[in-house]
Amino acid sequence: MNTNKFNRYSYSELIAAATAPGAQQIDVDTLGAWFEAYGASYWNGECYDADGRDLFPVYGEPNEDGDVEIASYELR
């Protein structure tokens, strides 16, 4: 998964980019990576609460060991 650079204080910029008209997948994935790193308290067991929107992980196919990784994120 490709992401842009971010830090602990990037949330405002990331949510603006991910929700802007014409947002690209990398913007949504970067927001997801931010939540993985800094936003565990926003996880409800299914998705992250991103200022009233739901940010869902999209899982890839299991590898040969049966492990599944996040392939991207979807903002609803």
N, C-alpha and C. Protein backbone atom coordinates (compact mmCIF):
# COMPACT_ATOMS: atom_id res chain seq x y z
N MET A 1 0.85 -1.17 0.00
CA MET A 1 0.00 0.00 0.00
C MET A 1 0.90 1.24 0.00
N ASN A 2 0.67 2.11 -0.94
CA ASN A 2 1.43 3.36 -1.02
C ASN A 2 0.77 4.44 -0.17
N THR A 3 1.62 5.19 0.52
CA THR A 3 1.11 6.31 1.32
C THR A 3 2.03 7.51 1.14
N ASN A 4 1.47 8.67 1.46
CA ASN A 4 2.28 9.88 1.53
C ASN A 4 2.93 9.95 2.90
N LYS A 5 3.90 10.81 3.06
CA LYS A 5 4.54 11.00 4.36
C LYS A 5 3.56 11.70 5.30
N PHE A 6 3.62 11.34 6.58
CA PHE A 6 2.77 11.95 7.59
C PHE A 6 3.45 11.82 8.94
N ASN A 7 2.93 12.56 9.92
CA ASN A 7 3.41 12.44 11.28
C ASN A 7 2.21 12.55 12.22
N ARG A 8 2.46 12.51 13.50
CA ARG A 8 1.40 12.54 14.52
C ARG A 8 0.48 13.73 14.35
N TYR A 9 0.98 14.84 13.86
CA TYR A 9 0.22 16.08 13.79
C TYR A 9 -0.40 16.35 12.42
N SER A 10 -0.41 15.36 11.54
CA SER A 10 -0.88 15.53 10.16
C SER A 10 -2.37 15.29 9.97
N TYR A 11 -3.10 14.94 11.01
CA TYR A 11 -4.49 14.50 10.82
C TYR A 11 -5.34 15.51 10.05
N SER A 12 -5.31 16.77 10.40
CA SER A 12 -6.16 17.77 9.73
C SER A 12 -5.89 17.81 8.24
N GLU A 13 -4.64 17.77 7.87
CA GLU A 13 -4.28 17.78 6.45
C GLU A 13 -4.73 16.49 5.76
N LEU A 14 -4.59 15.36 6.44
CA LEU A 14 -4.92 14.07 5.85
C LEU A 14 -6.43 13.91 5.65
N ILE A 15 -7.23 14.31 6.64
CA ILE A 15 -8.68 14.18 6.50
C ILE A 15 -9.18 15.13 5.41
N ALA A 16 -8.59 16.31 5.31
CA ALA A 16 -8.97 17.26 4.25
C ALA A 16 -8.66 16.68 2.87
N ALA A 17 -7.49 16.08 2.73
CA ALA A 17 -7.10 15.50 1.43
C ALA A 17 -7.97 14.29 1.08
N ALA A 18 -8.28 13.44 2.05
CA ALA A 18 -9.03 12.23 1.80
C ALA A 18 -10.50 12.50 1.49
N THR A 19 -11.04 13.61 1.98
CA THR A 19 -12.45 13.92 1.78
C THR A 19 -12.68 14.99 0.71
N ALA A 20 -11.62 15.49 0.12
CA ALA A 20 -11.74 16.51 -0.92
C ALA A 20 -12.29 15.91 -2.21
N PRO A 21 -13.02 16.71 -2.97
CA PRO A 21 -13.44 16.21 -4.29
C PRO A 21 -12.18 15.86 -5.10
N GLY A 22 -12.22 14.74 -5.74
CA GLY A 22 -11.07 14.31 -6.52
C GLY A 22 -9.97 13.67 -5.71
N ALA A 23 -10.27 13.31 -4.46
CA ALA A 23 -9.26 12.64 -3.63
C ALA A 23 -8.81 11.36 -4.31
N GLN A 24 -7.54 11.07 -4.19
CA GLN A 24 -6.98 9.86 -4.78
C GLN A 24 -6.88 8.76 -3.73
N GLN A 25 -6.72 7.53 -4.18
CA GLN A 25 -6.63 6.40 -3.26
C GLN A 25 -5.47 6.56 -2.29
N ILE A 26 -4.37 7.12 -2.73
CA ILE A 26 -3.22 7.30 -1.84
C ILE A 26 -3.57 8.24 -0.68
N ASP A 27 -4.47 9.19 -0.90
CA ASP A 27 -4.89 10.09 0.18
C ASP A 27 -5.68 9.33 1.24
N VAL A 28 -6.58 8.47 0.80
CA VAL A 28 -7.38 7.66 1.73
C VAL A 28 -6.48 6.65 2.45
N ASP A 29 -5.56 6.02 1.72
CA ASP A 29 -4.65 5.05 2.33
C ASP A 29 -3.72 5.71 3.35
N THR A 30 -3.31 6.93 3.09
CA THR A 30 -2.45 7.65 4.04
C THR A 30 -3.23 7.94 5.31
N LEU A 31 -4.49 8.33 5.18
CA LEU A 31 -5.32 8.54 6.36
C LEU A 31 -5.45 7.24 7.15
N GLY A 32 -5.65 6.14 6.47
CA GLY A 32 -5.72 4.84 7.14
C GLY A 32 -4.43 4.49 7.86
N ALA A 33 -3.31 4.77 7.24
CA ALA A 33 -2.01 4.50 7.88
C ALA A 33 -1.84 5.39 9.11
N TRP A 34 -2.33 6.62 9.04
CA TRP A 34 -2.27 7.52 10.21
C TRP A 34 -3.07 6.91 11.37
N PHE A 35 -4.29 6.43 11.07
CA PHE A 35 -5.10 5.82 12.12
C PHE A 35 -4.42 4.58 12.69
N GLU A 36 -3.79 3.77 11.84
CA GLU A 36 -3.05 2.59 12.33
C GLU A 36 -1.97 3.01 13.32
N ALA A 37 -1.27 4.09 13.00
CA ALA A 37 -0.15 4.52 13.83
C ALA A 37 -0.57 5.29 15.07
N TYR A 38 -1.59 6.14 14.95
CA TYR A 38 -1.91 7.08 16.04
C TYR A 38 -3.36 7.08 16.49
N GLY A 39 -4.26 6.39 15.82
CA GLY A 39 -5.67 6.54 16.12
C GLY A 39 -6.38 5.30 16.61
N ALA A 40 -5.72 4.47 17.38
CA ALA A 40 -6.34 3.23 17.86
C ALA A 40 -7.62 3.48 18.64
N SER A 41 -7.74 4.59 19.32
CA SER A 41 -8.94 4.86 20.12
C SER A 41 -10.16 5.16 19.24
N TYR A 42 -9.96 5.35 17.93
CA TYR A 42 -11.07 5.61 17.01
C TYR A 42 -11.56 4.33 16.33
N TRP A 43 -10.95 3.20 16.65
CA TRP A 43 -11.31 1.91 16.06
C TRP A 43 -12.48 1.32 16.83
N ASN A 44 -13.54 0.90 16.14
CA ASN A 44 -14.71 0.32 16.81
C ASN A 44 -14.80 -1.19 16.62
N GLY A 45 -13.78 -1.80 16.10
CA GLY A 45 -13.78 -3.23 15.84
C GLY A 45 -14.06 -3.57 14.39
N GLU A 46 -14.56 -2.59 13.64
CA GLU A 46 -14.86 -2.79 12.23
C GLU A 46 -14.24 -1.71 11.35
N CYS A 47 -14.23 -0.47 11.86
CA CYS A 47 -13.72 0.65 11.08
C CYS A 47 -13.28 1.77 12.02
N TYR A 48 -12.63 2.77 11.45
CA TYR A 48 -12.23 3.96 12.21
C TYR A 48 -13.28 5.05 12.02
N ASP A 49 -13.53 5.83 13.07
CA ASP A 49 -14.41 6.99 12.98
C ASP A 49 -13.55 8.17 12.57
N ALA A 50 -13.75 8.65 11.35
CA ALA A 50 -12.96 9.75 10.79
C ALA A 50 -13.85 10.98 10.65
N ASP A 51 -14.05 11.68 11.74
CA ASP A 51 -14.88 12.89 11.75
C ASP A 51 -16.27 12.64 11.17
N GLY A 52 -16.94 11.60 11.64
CA GLY A 52 -18.29 11.30 11.20
C GLY A 52 -18.38 10.41 9.98
N ARG A 53 -17.28 10.10 9.37
CA ARG A 53 -17.24 9.15 8.25
C ARG A 53 -16.58 7.88 8.75
N ASP A 54 -16.86 6.79 8.08
CA ASP A 54 -16.28 5.51 8.45
C ASP A 54 -15.16 5.16 7.49
N LEU A 55 -14.01 4.81 8.05
CA LEU A 55 -12.84 4.41 7.26
C LEU A 55 -12.61 2.92 7.47
N PHE A 56 -12.92 2.14 6.43
CA PHE A 56 -12.83 0.68 6.51
C PHE A 56 -11.56 0.17 5.88
N PRO A 57 -10.90 -0.79 6.53
CA PRO A 57 -9.78 -1.47 5.86
C PRO A 57 -10.30 -2.43 4.81
N VAL A 58 -9.59 -2.55 3.71
CA VAL A 58 -9.90 -3.52 2.66
C VAL A 58 -8.76 -4.53 2.68
N TYR A 59 -9.09 -5.77 2.97
CA TYR A 59 -8.07 -6.80 3.14
C TYR A 59 -7.75 -7.49 1.83
N GLY A 60 -6.48 -7.84 1.68
CA GLY A 60 -6.03 -8.58 0.50
C GLY A 60 -6.25 -10.07 0.69
N GLU A 61 -5.75 -10.82 -0.25
CA GLU A 61 -5.85 -12.28 -0.20
C GLU A 61 -4.87 -12.83 0.84
N PRO A 62 -5.23 -13.94 1.50
CA PRO A 62 -4.30 -14.55 2.45
C PRO A 62 -3.04 -15.05 1.74
N ASN A 63 -1.90 -14.92 2.41
CA ASN A 63 -0.66 -15.46 1.84
C ASN A 63 -0.59 -16.95 2.15
N GLU A 64 0.52 -17.59 1.80
CA GLU A 64 0.64 -19.04 1.97
C GLU A 64 0.57 -19.47 3.44
N ASP A 65 0.83 -18.52 4.37
CA ASP A 65 0.72 -18.84 5.80
C ASP A 65 -0.67 -18.54 6.35
N GLY A 66 -1.54 -18.01 5.52
CA GLY A 66 -2.89 -17.69 5.96
C GLY A 66 -3.03 -16.29 6.54
N ASP A 67 -1.93 -15.53 6.53
CA ASP A 67 -1.98 -14.17 7.06
C ASP A 67 -2.61 -13.23 6.03
N VAL A 68 -3.40 -12.30 6.53
CA VAL A 68 -4.08 -11.34 5.66
C VAL A 68 -3.62 -9.94 6.05
N GLU A 69 -3.24 -9.15 5.05
CA GLU A 69 -2.80 -7.78 5.29
C GLU A 69 -3.81 -6.80 4.70
N ILE A 70 -3.76 -5.58 5.19
CA ILE A 70 -4.61 -4.53 4.65
C ILE A 70 -4.04 -4.10 3.30
N ALA A 71 -4.89 -4.14 2.28
CA ALA A 71 -4.47 -3.77 0.92
C ALA A 71 -4.72 -2.30 0.66
N SER A 72 -5.79 -1.75 1.25
CA SER A 72 -6.14 -0.34 1.05
C SER A 72 -7.21 0.03 2.08
N TYR A 73 -7.75 1.23 1.96
CA TYR A 73 -8.83 1.70 2.83
C TYR A 73 -9.95 2.26 1.97
N GLU A 74 -11.16 2.24 2.54
CA GLU A 74 -12.32 2.80 1.86
C GLU A 74 -13.03 3.75 2.82
N LEU A 75 -13.29 4.95 2.38
CA LEU A 75 -13.95 5.97 3.20
C LEU A 75 -15.42 6.03 2.79
N ARG A 76 -16.30 5.82 3.75
CA ARG A 76 -17.75 5.83 3.47
C ARG A 76 -18.42 6.91 4.29
